[in-house]
Amino acid sequence: MHICSLVIWAASLCILLLLISRVASVGLHIPSKGDSLERLWFTRLASPAGLMTIVSGTAVFALDGNLNSWLLLKLTLVTCLVICHVAAGLLILYSSRPKVSGVTGKCTALLSVILLLLLSIIVLVLLKPEQEALLWFL
């Protein structure tokens, strides 16, 4: 459950940023009474998947009861990913304002950070380094 929800969360965040960038660059934002596609994507897919990832990861940690130093670093990286998730939501609000600029650059920068965080989390989980190997971080 944890890995599946992580894959859905990561993919939905990446697609969301591409969608925001595309809508902003082409000027497809049409005011309407309902929510935009970006907003629906964020609230109906990305946010629930992120919540499920965090809840299932907490359950894995609680059931395993294993607190290693690499896990603390992983939780720090996941916290940064949550901050990026919030930034993507704020970017949706920013891009819906009239006469905005630099949305594509902001989306590209945020996408780069998200991809770097995801890669770091995957490598950290697969390697599970001992505390001696993490002394550079502490």
N, C-alpha and C. Protein backbone atom coordinates (compact mmCIF):
# COMPACT_ATOMS: atom_id res chain seq x y z
N MET A 1 0.84 -1.19 0.00
CA MET A 1 0.00 0.00 0.00
C MET A 1 0.88 1.26 0.00
N HIS A 2 1.95 1.24 0.82
CA HIS A 2 2.82 2.40 0.94
C HIS A 2 3.51 2.71 -0.40
N ILE A 3 4.03 1.70 -1.04
CA ILE A 3 4.75 1.92 -2.29
C ILE A 3 3.79 2.33 -3.40
N CYS A 4 2.63 1.70 -3.46
CA CYS A 4 1.64 2.07 -4.48
C CYS A 4 1.18 3.51 -4.33
N SER A 5 0.89 3.90 -3.10
CA SER A 5 0.43 5.28 -2.89
C SER A 5 1.56 6.28 -3.15
N LEU A 6 2.80 5.89 -2.85
CA LEU A 6 3.94 6.78 -3.15
C LEU A 6 4.09 6.99 -4.65
N VAL A 7 3.95 5.92 -5.41
CA VAL A 7 4.06 6.04 -6.87
C VAL A 7 2.95 6.95 -7.42
N ILE A 8 1.73 6.76 -6.92
CA ILE A 8 0.61 7.61 -7.38
C ILE A 8 0.84 9.06 -6.97
N TRP A 9 1.31 9.29 -5.74
CA TRP A 9 1.56 10.65 -5.27
C TRP A 9 2.64 11.32 -6.11
N ALA A 10 3.75 10.61 -6.31
CA ALA A 10 4.85 11.19 -7.08
C ALA A 10 4.43 11.50 -8.51
N ALA A 11 3.75 10.56 -9.14
CA ALA A 11 3.32 10.77 -10.53
C ALA A 11 2.31 11.91 -10.62
N SER A 12 1.38 11.96 -9.66
CA SER A 12 0.37 13.02 -9.73
C SER A 12 0.98 14.40 -9.50
N LEU A 13 1.99 14.50 -8.63
CA LEU A 13 2.67 15.78 -8.45
C LEU A 13 3.41 16.21 -9.71
N CYS A 14 4.11 15.27 -10.32
CA CYS A 14 4.86 15.61 -11.54
C CYS A 14 3.92 16.00 -12.67
N ILE A 15 2.86 15.25 -12.86
CA ILE A 15 1.89 15.57 -13.92
C ILE A 15 1.20 16.89 -13.62
N LEU A 16 0.90 17.15 -12.35
CA LEU A 16 0.27 18.40 -11.96
C LEU A 16 1.12 19.60 -12.36
N LEU A 17 2.41 19.53 -12.10
CA LEU A 17 3.28 20.65 -12.45
C LEU A 17 3.37 20.83 -13.96
N LEU A 18 3.39 19.73 -14.70
CA LEU A 18 3.38 19.84 -16.15
C LEU A 18 2.06 20.44 -16.65
N LEU A 19 0.97 20.07 -16.01
CA LEU A 19 -0.34 20.60 -16.37
C LEU A 19 -0.43 22.10 -16.08
N ILE A 20 0.04 22.51 -14.91
CA ILE A 20 0.03 23.94 -14.56
C ILE A 20 0.86 24.74 -15.56
N SER A 21 2.03 24.22 -15.87
CA SER A 21 2.92 24.89 -16.80
C SER A 21 2.30 25.01 -18.19
N ARG A 22 1.68 23.95 -18.63
CA ARG A 22 1.05 23.94 -19.95
C ARG A 22 -0.11 24.93 -20.02
N VAL A 23 -0.95 24.92 -19.00
CA VAL A 23 -2.10 25.83 -18.99
C VAL A 23 -1.63 27.28 -18.95
N ALA A 24 -0.59 27.55 -18.16
CA ALA A 24 -0.09 28.92 -18.04
C ALA A 24 0.59 29.39 -19.32
N SER A 25 1.35 28.50 -19.98
CA SER A 25 2.09 28.93 -21.17
C SER A 25 1.18 29.10 -22.38
N VAL A 26 0.14 28.30 -22.48
CA VAL A 26 -0.77 28.40 -23.63
C VAL A 26 -1.88 29.40 -23.35
N GLY A 27 -2.11 29.70 -22.09
CA GLY A 27 -3.17 30.62 -21.73
C GLY A 27 -4.54 29.98 -21.79
N LEU A 28 -4.61 28.71 -21.38
CA LEU A 28 -5.86 27.98 -21.44
C LEU A 28 -6.75 28.20 -20.24
N HIS A 29 -6.32 29.02 -19.30
CA HIS A 29 -7.11 29.20 -18.08
C HIS A 29 -8.36 30.01 -18.40
N ILE A 30 -9.49 29.32 -18.31
CA ILE A 30 -10.77 29.95 -18.61
C ILE A 30 -11.56 30.01 -17.31
N PRO A 31 -11.93 31.19 -16.86
CA PRO A 31 -12.71 31.27 -15.63
C PRO A 31 -14.05 30.55 -15.78
N SER A 32 -14.38 29.76 -14.79
CA SER A 32 -15.65 29.04 -14.82
C SER A 32 -16.19 28.92 -13.40
N LYS A 33 -17.40 28.42 -13.31
CA LYS A 33 -18.02 28.27 -12.00
C LYS A 33 -17.42 27.10 -11.23
N GLY A 34 -16.94 26.08 -11.93
CA GLY A 34 -16.38 24.90 -11.28
C GLY A 34 -14.88 25.01 -11.09
N ASP A 35 -14.32 23.99 -10.49
CA ASP A 35 -12.88 23.95 -10.28
C ASP A 35 -12.17 23.63 -11.58
N SER A 36 -10.94 24.13 -11.69
CA SER A 36 -10.13 23.84 -12.86
C SER A 36 -9.59 22.42 -12.76
N LEU A 37 -9.08 21.93 -13.87
CA LEU A 37 -8.52 20.58 -13.90
C LEU A 37 -7.34 20.45 -12.94
N GLU A 38 -6.51 21.49 -12.88
CA GLU A 38 -5.36 21.45 -11.97
C GLU A 38 -5.81 21.33 -10.51
N ARG A 39 -6.84 22.09 -10.17
CA ARG A 39 -7.36 22.05 -8.80
C ARG A 39 -7.96 20.71 -8.46
N LEU A 40 -8.73 20.15 -9.39
CA LEU A 40 -9.31 18.83 -9.18
C LEU A 40 -8.22 17.76 -9.06
N TRP A 41 -7.20 17.86 -9.90
CA TRP A 41 -6.08 16.91 -9.87
C TRP A 41 -5.39 16.98 -8.50
N PHE A 42 -5.22 18.19 -8.01
CA PHE A 42 -4.54 18.38 -6.72
C PHE A 42 -5.39 17.86 -5.56
N THR A 43 -6.68 18.22 -5.55
CA THR A 43 -7.51 17.89 -4.39
C THR A 43 -8.06 16.47 -4.44
N ARG A 44 -8.27 15.91 -5.63
CA ARG A 44 -8.90 14.60 -5.73
C ARG A 44 -7.92 13.46 -5.95
N LEU A 45 -6.67 13.78 -6.34
CA LEU A 45 -5.71 12.71 -6.61
C LEU A 45 -4.42 12.88 -5.82
N ALA A 46 -3.75 14.01 -6.00
CA ALA A 46 -2.43 14.19 -5.38
C ALA A 46 -2.50 14.24 -3.86
N SER A 47 -3.43 15.02 -3.32
CA SER A 47 -3.52 15.14 -1.86
C SER A 47 -3.94 13.85 -1.17
N PRO A 48 -4.98 13.15 -1.65
CA PRO A 48 -5.31 11.87 -1.01
C PRO A 48 -4.18 10.83 -1.14
N ALA A 49 -3.49 10.81 -2.28
CA ALA A 49 -2.38 9.87 -2.44
C ALA A 49 -1.24 10.22 -1.48
N GLY A 50 -0.97 11.50 -1.32
CA GLY A 50 0.06 11.92 -0.37
C GLY A 50 -0.30 11.55 1.06
N LEU A 51 -1.56 11.77 1.41
CA LEU A 51 -2.02 11.40 2.75
C LEU A 51 -1.94 9.90 2.97
N MET A 52 -2.34 9.12 1.97
CA MET A 52 -2.26 7.66 2.08
C MET A 52 -0.81 7.20 2.20
N THR A 53 0.09 7.86 1.50
CA THR A 53 1.50 7.51 1.59
C THR A 53 2.02 7.74 3.01
N ILE A 54 1.68 8.87 3.58
CA ILE A 54 2.16 9.19 4.92
C ILE A 54 1.53 8.28 5.97
N VAL A 55 0.24 8.01 5.84
CA VAL A 55 -0.44 7.14 6.81
C VAL A 55 0.09 5.71 6.73
N SER A 56 0.23 5.19 5.51
CA SER A 56 0.73 3.82 5.37
C SER A 56 2.20 3.72 5.77
N GLY A 57 2.99 4.76 5.50
CA GLY A 57 4.38 4.76 5.95
C GLY A 57 4.49 4.80 7.46
N THR A 58 3.61 5.54 8.09
CA THR A 58 3.58 5.58 9.56
C THR A 58 3.19 4.22 10.11
N ALA A 59 2.25 3.55 9.45
CA ALA A 59 1.84 2.21 9.90
C ALA A 59 2.99 1.21 9.75
N VAL A 60 3.73 1.31 8.66
CA VAL A 60 4.89 0.43 8.47
C VAL A 60 5.91 0.67 9.57
N PHE A 61 6.17 1.93 9.86
CA PHE A 61 7.13 2.27 10.91
C PHE A 61 6.64 1.80 12.29
N ALA A 62 5.35 1.99 12.56
CA ALA A 62 4.80 1.61 13.87
C ALA A 62 4.81 0.10 14.06
N LEU A 63 4.49 -0.63 13.01
CA LEU A 63 4.47 -2.09 13.12
C LEU A 63 5.88 -2.67 13.19
N ASP A 64 6.80 -2.07 12.46
CA ASP A 64 8.18 -2.55 12.44
C ASP A 64 8.91 -2.16 13.72
N GLY A 65 8.64 -0.96 14.22
CA GLY A 65 9.26 -0.49 15.46
C GLY A 65 10.76 -0.29 15.34
N ASN A 66 11.24 -0.08 14.15
CA ASN A 66 12.66 0.04 13.91
C ASN A 66 13.01 1.51 13.64
N LEU A 67 13.77 2.11 14.53
CA LEU A 67 14.16 3.52 14.36
C LEU A 67 15.66 3.58 14.10
N ASN A 68 15.99 3.63 12.83
CA ASN A 68 17.39 3.75 12.43
C ASN A 68 17.67 5.18 12.01
N SER A 69 18.95 5.50 11.92
CA SER A 69 19.31 6.86 11.55
C SER A 69 18.91 7.18 10.12
N TRP A 70 18.91 6.19 9.23
CA TRP A 70 18.51 6.46 7.85
C TRP A 70 17.03 6.82 7.78
N LEU A 71 16.24 6.27 8.71
CA LEU A 71 14.81 6.57 8.72
C LEU A 71 14.57 8.04 9.08
N LEU A 72 15.36 8.56 9.98
CA LEU A 72 15.24 9.98 10.35
C LEU A 72 15.55 10.87 9.14
N LEU A 73 16.56 10.50 8.39
CA LEU A 73 16.89 11.25 7.18
C LEU A 73 15.78 11.11 6.14
N LYS A 74 15.20 9.91 6.02
CA LYS A 74 14.10 9.70 5.08
C LYS A 74 12.90 10.55 5.46
N LEU A 75 12.58 10.62 6.74
CA LEU A 75 11.46 11.42 7.19
C LEU A 75 11.70 12.91 6.93
N THR A 76 12.94 13.33 7.02
CA THR A 76 13.29 14.72 6.69
C THR A 76 13.05 14.99 5.20
N LEU A 77 13.44 14.04 4.36
CA LEU A 77 13.22 14.20 2.92
C LEU A 77 11.73 14.17 2.58
N VAL A 78 10.97 13.32 3.26
CA VAL A 78 9.52 13.27 3.04
C VAL A 78 8.87 14.58 3.48
N THR A 79 9.36 15.16 4.57
CA THR A 79 8.85 16.47 5.00
C THR A 79 9.10 17.52 3.93
N CYS A 80 10.26 17.49 3.31
CA CYS A 80 10.55 18.41 2.21
C CYS A 80 9.62 18.16 1.02
N LEU A 81 9.28 16.90 0.79
CA LEU A 81 8.35 16.56 -0.29
C LEU A 81 6.95 17.10 0.01
N VAL A 82 6.55 17.05 1.27
CA VAL A 82 5.25 17.61 1.67
C VAL A 82 5.25 19.12 1.46
N ILE A 83 6.35 19.76 1.77
CA ILE A 83 6.47 21.21 1.55
C ILE A 83 6.35 21.51 0.05
N CYS A 84 6.94 20.68 -0.79
CA CYS A 84 6.81 20.85 -2.24
C CYS A 84 5.38 20.63 -2.69
N HIS A 85 4.69 19.71 -2.05
CA HIS A 85 3.27 19.47 -2.35
C HIS A 85 2.46 20.74 -2.07
N VAL A 86 2.71 21.34 -0.92
CA VAL A 86 2.02 22.59 -0.57
C VAL A 86 2.39 23.69 -1.56
N ALA A 87 3.65 23.75 -1.95
CA ALA A 87 4.08 24.76 -2.93
C ALA A 87 3.38 24.57 -4.26
N ALA A 88 3.14 23.33 -4.65
CA ALA A 88 2.40 23.07 -5.89
C ALA A 88 0.97 23.59 -5.77
N GLY A 89 0.36 23.41 -4.62
CA GLY A 89 -0.98 23.94 -4.40
C GLY A 89 -1.00 25.46 -4.47
N LEU A 90 0.01 26.08 -3.89
CA LEU A 90 0.10 27.54 -3.95
C LEU A 90 0.35 28.01 -5.38
N LEU A 91 1.07 27.21 -6.14
CA LEU A 91 1.34 27.55 -7.54
C LEU A 91 0.05 27.50 -8.37
N ILE A 92 -0.85 26.61 -8.01
CA ILE A 92 -2.17 26.58 -8.68
C ILE A 92 -2.90 27.89 -8.43
N LEU A 93 -2.89 28.34 -7.18
CA LEU A 93 -3.55 29.61 -6.86
C LEU A 93 -2.88 30.78 -7.56
N TYR A 94 -1.54 30.76 -7.59
CA TYR A 94 -0.79 31.84 -8.23
C TYR A 94 -1.08 31.89 -9.73
N SER A 95 -1.12 30.73 -10.35
CA SER A 95 -1.31 30.70 -11.81
C SER A 95 -2.73 31.09 -12.22
N SER A 96 -3.67 31.04 -11.29
CA SER A 96 -5.05 31.40 -11.65
C SER A 96 -5.30 32.91 -11.56
N ARG A 97 -4.31 33.64 -11.04
CA ARG A 97 -4.45 35.10 -10.98
C ARG A 97 -4.24 35.70 -12.37
N PRO A 98 -4.84 36.84 -12.63
CA PRO A 98 -4.63 37.47 -13.94
C PRO A 98 -3.23 38.08 -14.04
N LYS A 99 -2.70 38.05 -15.24
CA LYS A 99 -1.41 38.67 -15.56
C LYS A 99 -0.27 38.17 -14.68
N VAL A 100 -0.08 36.86 -14.64
CA VAL A 100 1.04 36.29 -13.89
C VAL A 100 2.17 35.99 -14.87
N SER A 101 3.38 35.95 -14.33
CA SER A 101 4.52 35.63 -15.18
C SER A 101 5.45 34.65 -14.46
N GLY A 102 6.20 33.91 -15.23
CA GLY A 102 7.18 33.00 -14.67
C GLY A 102 6.62 31.71 -14.12
N VAL A 103 5.40 31.36 -14.49
CA VAL A 103 4.80 30.14 -13.97
C VAL A 103 5.55 28.91 -14.48
N THR A 104 5.94 28.92 -15.74
CA THR A 104 6.65 27.77 -16.30
C THR A 104 7.99 27.56 -15.61
N GLY A 105 8.70 28.63 -15.34
CA GLY A 105 9.98 28.51 -14.63
C GLY A 105 9.81 27.99 -13.21
N LYS A 106 8.78 28.47 -12.54
CA LYS A 106 8.51 28.01 -11.17
C LYS A 106 8.12 26.53 -11.17
N CYS A 107 7.33 26.12 -12.15
CA CYS A 107 6.95 24.71 -12.26
C CYS A 107 8.16 23.83 -12.55
N THR A 108 9.03 24.30 -13.42
CA THR A 108 10.24 23.54 -13.75
C THR A 108 11.15 23.41 -12.54
N ALA A 109 11.33 24.48 -11.81
CA ALA A 109 12.17 24.44 -10.61
C ALA A 109 11.59 23.50 -9.56
N LEU A 110 10.29 23.59 -9.33
CA LEU A 110 9.65 22.74 -8.33
C LEU A 110 9.67 21.28 -8.77
N LEU A 111 9.47 21.03 -10.05
CA LEU A 111 9.55 19.67 -10.56
C LEU A 111 10.95 19.09 -10.37
N SER A 112 11.96 19.90 -10.60
CA SER A 112 13.34 19.45 -10.41
C SER A 112 13.60 19.09 -8.95
N VAL A 113 13.12 19.91 -8.04
CA VAL A 113 13.30 19.63 -6.61
C VAL A 113 12.57 18.35 -6.22
N ILE A 114 11.35 18.19 -6.71
CA ILE A 114 10.57 16.99 -6.39
C ILE A 114 11.26 15.73 -6.91
N LEU A 115 11.73 15.78 -8.13
CA LEU A 115 12.42 14.61 -8.69
C LEU A 115 13.70 14.29 -7.92
N LEU A 116 14.43 15.31 -7.51
CA LEU A 116 15.64 15.09 -6.71
C LEU A 116 15.30 14.49 -5.36
N LEU A 117 14.24 14.97 -4.73
CA LEU A 117 13.80 14.41 -3.44
C LEU A 117 13.36 12.95 -3.59
N LEU A 118 12.60 12.67 -4.64
CA LEU A 118 12.15 11.29 -4.86
C LEU A 118 13.32 10.35 -5.11
N LEU A 119 14.27 10.79 -5.90
CA LEU A 119 15.45 9.98 -6.16
C LEU A 119 16.24 9.75 -4.87
N SER A 120 16.38 10.78 -4.07
CA SER A 120 17.10 10.66 -2.80
C SER A 120 16.41 9.69 -1.85
N ILE A 121 15.08 9.77 -1.79
CA ILE A 121 14.32 8.87 -0.92
C ILE A 121 14.48 7.42 -1.38
N ILE A 122 14.37 7.19 -2.67
CA ILE A 122 14.49 5.83 -3.20
C ILE A 122 15.87 5.26 -2.93
N VAL A 123 16.91 6.04 -3.21
CA VAL A 123 18.28 5.57 -2.97
C VAL A 123 18.51 5.31 -1.49
N LEU A 124 18.04 6.19 -0.64
CA LEU A 124 18.21 6.03 0.81
C LEU A 124 17.52 4.76 1.31
N VAL A 125 16.31 4.51 0.84
CA VAL A 125 15.57 3.33 1.29
C VAL A 125 16.22 2.05 0.77
N LEU A 126 16.69 2.08 -0.44
CA LEU A 126 17.32 0.88 -0.99
C LEU A 126 18.67 0.58 -0.34
N LEU A 127 19.44 1.61 -0.02
CA LEU A 127 20.76 1.40 0.57
C LEU A 127 20.70 1.16 2.08
N LYS A 128 19.78 1.83 2.76
CA LYS A 128 19.65 1.76 4.21
C LYS A 128 21.03 1.79 4.89
N PRO A 129 21.73 2.91 4.75
CA PRO A 129 23.10 2.98 5.29
C PRO A 129 23.11 2.96 6.82
N GLU A 130 24.20 2.46 7.35
CA GLU A 130 24.39 2.43 8.80
C GLU A 130 24.71 3.84 9.29
N GLN A 131 24.68 4.02 10.61
CA GLN A 131 24.88 5.34 11.18
C GLN A 131 26.26 5.89 10.86
N GLU A 132 27.27 5.04 10.80
CA GLU A 132 28.62 5.52 10.49
C GLU A 132 28.69 6.16 9.10
N ALA A 133 27.90 5.63 8.18
CA ALA A 133 27.89 6.18 6.82
C ALA A 133 27.13 7.50 6.75
N LEU A 134 26.29 7.77 7.75
CA LEU A 134 25.50 9.00 7.74
C LEU A 134 26.11 10.10 8.61
N LEU A 135 27.30 9.89 9.14
CA LEU A 135 27.90 10.89 10.03
C LEU A 135 28.13 12.22 9.33
N TRP A 136 28.30 12.20 8.02
CA TRP A 136 28.47 13.46 7.29
C TRP A 136 27.24 14.32 7.41
N PHE A 137 26.08 13.70 7.57
CA PHE A 137 24.84 14.45 7.66
C PHE A 137 24.60 15.00 9.06
N LEU A 138 24.99 14.26 10.07
CA LEU A 138 24.75 14.67 11.44
C LEU A 138 25.76 15.70 11.81
